[in-house]
Amino acid sequence: MKITDTVIIIPAHNEEQVIAQTLKDVSKYFENIVVVNDGSRDNTEKEARKSNAHVLTHAFALGQGGAIQTGIEFALTFKEANYFVTLDADGQHLPTDAVKMREQLIKNDDDIVTGSRFLGSTVNMPKAKKMLLKAATWFSNKTSNSKFTDAHNGLRIFNRHVAQTLNIQENSYQHASEISEKIITNKYKYSEAPVTIVYTDYSIGKGQSMLNAINIGFDVLLRKVVKK
């Protein structure tokens, strides 16, 4: 039986090659799926609409953070929804991990559970990617006073309280650091869960570059300075 009290939120930008398979895999376990087509220039929207998912479209690309916030706001209209999952469109995340994370959140009475590939496992992960993510997590922990092992993992689940109060402001990839910071400042009860991340040639090709990661770091520091 499919899970009906959880909404899967999938931000998607130019994912026509993989979105159909991702939705097929997720729909085996979850009834309610929201795809936010973030200004794609390909057939992402067309492919997504072939499924039973709810499809929202931005006229232009806001970035992953903006797409997730749009998805959260729409998902909150589901009266039966108690839990909300963010999941990448490129097939890196396993829906079975989302199922396990939901069970962990309920058992621990957490507000949010974040996935960690470093507590779990990876498939075909490039060494350079591992080094970049380790460095990004260290940086995020230092700037947010947190102790995550994988701060930039897009697979996470949270309850309605978090969905109503998170209010993501950073549109691009900086949103991951923002979420880490808000988990601490908003005093959400949280835990991490071991997950498996599957790297393919496709997902690696769409990943963040080293330069982009450095730019994100500077943006995070700038936000800190402005707040002070």
Foldseek 3Di string as FASTA:
>chain_A
DADEQEEEEEEDAQQLPFQLVLCVQLVVHHPEYEYEHACHPDCPVVSNVVDPYHYHYDVHHLAPLVSVLVRLVVVLVPPSHFKYKYDYRNPFFHSVQVVVQVVVCVVVVFQKEAEDCVVAHEAPDDPVNVVLQQVLVVLLCVLQVDDDRGLQGRTMMGGPVCSVPLPQDRRHSLSSSSSSNCCVVVVTGYYYDYGYTYDDPVNVVPDDDPVRSVVSSVVSVVVVVVVD
